[in-house]
Amino acid sequence: VADKEKIEHWGKKVNSLTKEGDLKVGICWKSSYITNGRRQLYPNLNEFINLLKIKGISFFNANYTSSAQSELDELYSNTGLKIHNFPELDQKDDLDSTAAYLSNMDLIISVGTAVDELAAGLGVKTWKLYNFSAVNIGKLAKHGFEHQNVYRISKLHNQDWSVVFDVAKKHLTQYAETRIYPKPEA
């Protein structure tokens, strides 16, 4: 459980950047530990563009890597799409404040990192994006924590990240429009 005072502190900051009625969605697109073998596990931030265009959502950075700010700046410069960031929040080494910050989100969309596990453990609805499982291809599936769902694609079928993002876009659009949380399909 995150510290109540820190939750309130970060809630004020998050809410100050959120349009009234918008969902607050945190995005994490890669780990800080990337090797040649792990590189395929992480989409480029540009893969999120169609999600970022969905109306009724304010997006927030949930990525703790040192390159996050420059990637967010480049995304905004190239597309005009904004993912809000708080550079004063050390998401890598200040886990108490990070937990409080994540607790203010309606949803976290993350690849497999500590972010999705922390958020789900806090009870925040969490979608974990995978690209290496042959089961539940392109579907929303239950995984691990009560509030954690998984979108998976299969390298066995030579699919790229577009498969998982197409399904995520469908469910996220539905969630933004109806405020009804999508149920797992399998």
Protein backbone atom coordinates (compact mmCIF):
# COMPACT_ATOMS: atom_id res chain seq x y z
CA VAL A 1 0.00 0.00 0.00
CA ALA A 2 1.36 3.40 -0.95
CA ASP A 3 1.77 6.22 1.56
CA LYS A 4 -1.50 8.23 1.81
CA GLU A 5 0.21 11.62 1.94
CA LYS A 6 2.28 10.78 -1.14
CA ILE A 7 -0.81 9.49 -2.95
CA GLU A 8 -2.50 12.82 -2.26
CA HIS A 9 0.60 14.77 -3.34
CA TRP A 10 0.92 12.92 -6.65
CA GLY A 11 -2.85 12.91 -7.13
CA LYS A 12 -2.88 16.71 -7.14
CA LYS A 13 -0.07 16.80 -9.69
CA VAL A 14 -1.68 14.15 -11.93
CA ASN A 15 -5.14 15.72 -11.70
CA SER A 16 -3.74 19.15 -12.60
CA LEU A 17 -2.76 17.72 -16.01
CA THR A 18 -5.88 15.59 -16.56
CA LYS A 19 -8.87 16.85 -18.50
CA GLU A 20 -12.05 16.55 -16.48
CA GLY A 21 -13.60 13.14 -17.07
CA ASP A 22 -10.51 11.65 -18.70
CA LEU A 23 -9.09 8.29 -17.73
CA LYS A 24 -5.56 8.53 -16.34
CA VAL A 25 -3.38 5.94 -18.06
CA GLY A 26 0.31 5.30 -17.36
CA ILE A 27 2.52 3.96 -20.16
CA CYS A 28 5.74 1.93 -19.79
CA TRP A 29 7.35 0.76 -23.03
CA LYS A 30 10.71 -0.70 -22.02
CA SER A 31 12.97 -1.92 -19.28
CA SER A 32 16.27 -0.37 -18.28
CA TYR A 33 17.85 -3.80 -18.83
CA ILE A 34 18.01 -4.33 -22.58
CA THR A 35 20.33 -6.83 -24.22
CA ASN A 36 20.27 -8.10 -27.80
CA GLY A 37 18.19 -11.07 -26.65
CA ARG A 38 15.74 -8.90 -24.68
CA ARG A 39 15.36 -6.13 -27.27
CA GLN A 40 12.49 -7.97 -28.98
CA LEU A 41 10.49 -7.82 -25.75
CA TYR A 42 10.04 -4.07 -25.95
CA PRO A 43 8.14 -2.09 -28.57
CA ASN A 44 9.27 1.31 -29.73
CA LEU A 45 7.33 4.15 -28.10
CA ASN A 46 5.93 4.93 -31.58
CA GLU A 47 4.01 1.64 -31.42
CA PHE A 48 1.75 3.34 -28.85
CA ILE A 49 0.68 6.15 -31.21
CA ASN A 50 -2.77 4.73 -32.03
CA LEU A 51 -3.49 4.27 -28.32
CA LEU A 52 -2.35 7.83 -27.60
CA LYS A 53 -4.89 9.18 -30.10
CA ILE A 54 -7.88 7.75 -28.22
CA LYS A 55 -10.15 10.49 -26.90
CA GLY A 56 -11.05 10.68 -23.22
CA ILE A 57 -7.62 9.68 -21.89
CA SER A 58 -4.76 11.62 -20.36
CA PHE A 59 -1.52 9.66 -20.65
CA PHE A 60 1.33 9.66 -18.13
CA ASN A 61 4.87 8.36 -18.21
CA ALA A 62 5.39 5.22 -16.13
CA ASN A 63 8.78 4.45 -17.66
CA TYR A 64 11.78 4.66 -15.36
CA THR A 65 14.59 4.55 -17.92
CA SER A 66 17.11 7.36 -18.29
CA SER A 67 16.10 7.90 -21.92
CA ALA A 68 12.37 8.30 -21.21
CA GLN A 69 12.29 12.11 -21.28
CA SER A 70 14.15 12.36 -24.60
CA GLU A 71 11.86 9.73 -26.13
CA LEU A 72 8.78 11.60 -24.88
CA ASP A 73 10.15 14.86 -26.28
CA GLU A 74 10.83 13.22 -29.65
CA LEU A 75 7.33 11.69 -29.73
CA TYR A 76 5.76 15.08 -29.01
CA SER A 77 7.96 16.83 -31.57
CA ASN A 78 7.09 14.30 -34.31
CA THR A 79 3.39 13.75 -33.55
CA GLY A 80 2.08 16.42 -31.17
CA LEU A 81 0.98 13.60 -28.85
CA LYS A 82 1.70 14.28 -25.19
CA ILE A 83 2.54 11.81 -22.46
CA HIS A 84 2.79 13.81 -19.24
CA ASN A 85 5.98 13.36 -17.28
CA PHE A 86 7.23 14.48 -13.89
CA PRO A 87 11.03 14.71 -14.17
CA GLU A 88 11.28 15.34 -10.42
CA LEU A 89 9.91 11.82 -9.75
CA ASP A 90 12.69 9.23 -9.62
CA GLN A 91 10.69 6.21 -10.78
CA LYS A 92 13.72 3.93 -10.58
CA ASP A 93 15.00 4.59 -7.05
CA ASP A 94 12.10 6.21 -5.15
CA LEU A 95 9.65 3.33 -5.01
CA ASP A 96 7.49 4.94 -2.28
CA SER A 97 6.75 7.98 -4.45
CA THR A 98 6.46 5.83 -7.57
CA ALA A 99 3.88 3.60 -5.85
CA ALA A 100 1.91 6.70 -4.81
CA TYR A 101 2.10 8.10 -8.36
CA LEU A 102 0.97 4.82 -9.96
CA SER A 103 -1.87 4.55 -7.41
CA ASN A 104 -3.41 7.63 -9.03
CA MET A 105 -3.78 5.94 -12.42
CA ASP A 106 -6.96 4.31 -13.67
CA LEU A 107 -4.87 1.94 -15.77
CA ILE A 108 -1.23 1.07 -16.40
CA ILE A 109 -0.24 -0.28 -19.81
CA SER A 110 3.24 -1.78 -19.62
CA VAL A 111 5.57 -4.29 -21.12
CA GLY A 112 7.01 -6.85 -18.71
CA THR A 113 8.90 -4.71 -16.19
CA ALA A 114 8.76 -3.98 -12.48
CA VAL A 115 6.18 -1.29 -13.35
CA ASP A 116 3.38 -3.68 -14.24
CA GLU A 117 4.08 -5.89 -11.23
CA LEU A 118 4.20 -2.93 -8.82
CA ALA A 119 1.02 -1.39 -10.24
CA ALA A 120 -0.92 -4.66 -10.18
CA GLY A 121 0.32 -5.35 -6.65
CA LEU A 122 -1.06 -1.95 -5.61
CA GLY A 123 -4.45 -2.89 -7.07
CA VAL A 124 -4.18 -0.60 -10.12
CA LYS A 125 -5.75 -2.07 -13.24
CA THR A 126 -2.80 -3.18 -15.36
CA TRP A 127 -2.35 -4.43 -18.91
CA LYS A 128 0.89 -6.29 -19.49
CA LEU A 129 2.05 -6.46 -23.10
CA TYR A 130 4.00 -9.53 -24.25
CA ASN A 131 5.30 -10.57 -27.63
CA PHE A 132 6.56 -14.09 -27.06
CA SER A 133 3.73 -16.33 -25.90
CA ALA A 134 1.88 -18.74 -28.16
CA VAL A 135 -1.28 -18.74 -26.02
CA ASN A 136 -4.09 -16.19 -25.91
CA ILE A 137 -2.81 -14.55 -29.07
CA GLY A 138 -4.15 -11.04 -29.46
CA LYS A 139 -6.63 -11.46 -26.63
CA LEU A 140 -7.11 -9.97 -23.22
CA ALA A 141 -6.26 -12.71 -20.71
CA LYS A 142 -6.15 -12.94 -16.93
CA HIS A 143 -2.67 -13.08 -15.43
CA GLY A 144 -1.20 -13.09 -11.95
CA PHE A 145 -2.74 -10.36 -9.84
CA GLU A 146 -6.49 -9.78 -9.68
CA HIS A 147 -6.29 -6.54 -11.70
CA GLN A 148 -3.59 -7.60 -14.17
CA ASN A 149 -4.49 -8.62 -17.70
CA VAL A 150 -2.15 -9.63 -20.50
CA TYR A 151 -2.11 -8.85 -24.20
CA ARG A 152 0.07 -11.37 -26.01
CA ILE A 153 1.29 -11.95 -29.51
CA SER A 154 3.19 -14.91 -30.85
CA LYS A 155 6.60 -14.82 -32.48
CA LEU A 156 5.75 -18.34 -33.70
CA HIS A 157 3.29 -16.80 -36.13
CA ASN A 158 5.69 -14.04 -37.20
CA GLN A 159 3.40 -11.39 -35.85
CA ASP A 160 4.68 -7.97 -34.92
CA TRP A 161 3.57 -5.60 -32.18
CA SER A 162 0.67 -4.29 -34.32
CA VAL A 163 -1.41 -7.36 -33.40
CA VAL A 164 -1.29 -6.67 -29.68
CA PHE A 165 -1.76 -2.91 -30.12
CA ASP A 166 -4.82 -3.44 -32.35
CA VAL A 167 -6.49 -5.45 -29.61
CA ALA A 168 -5.36 -3.03 -26.90
CA LYS A 169 -6.76 -0.10 -28.92
CA LYS A 170 -10.14 -1.81 -29.22
CA HIS A 171 -10.35 -2.46 -25.48
CA LEU A 172 -8.93 0.91 -24.46
CA THR A 173 -11.39 2.77 -26.71
CA GLN A 174 -14.24 0.79 -25.17
CA TYR A 175 -12.97 1.52 -21.66
CA ALA A 176 -12.58 5.26 -22.37
CA GLU A 177 -16.06 5.52 -23.89
CA THR A 178 -18.05 3.39 -21.45
CA ARG A 179 -15.86 3.29 -18.29
CA ILE A 180 -16.63 -0.44 -18.25
CA TYR A 181 -13.41 -2.37 -17.69
CA PRO A 182 -12.93 -5.03 -20.41
CA LYS A 183 -13.26 -8.60 -19.21
CA PRO A 184 -10.58 -11.18 -20.13
CA GLU A 185 -11.49 -13.37 -23.08
CA ALA A 186 -9.66 -16.45 -21.86
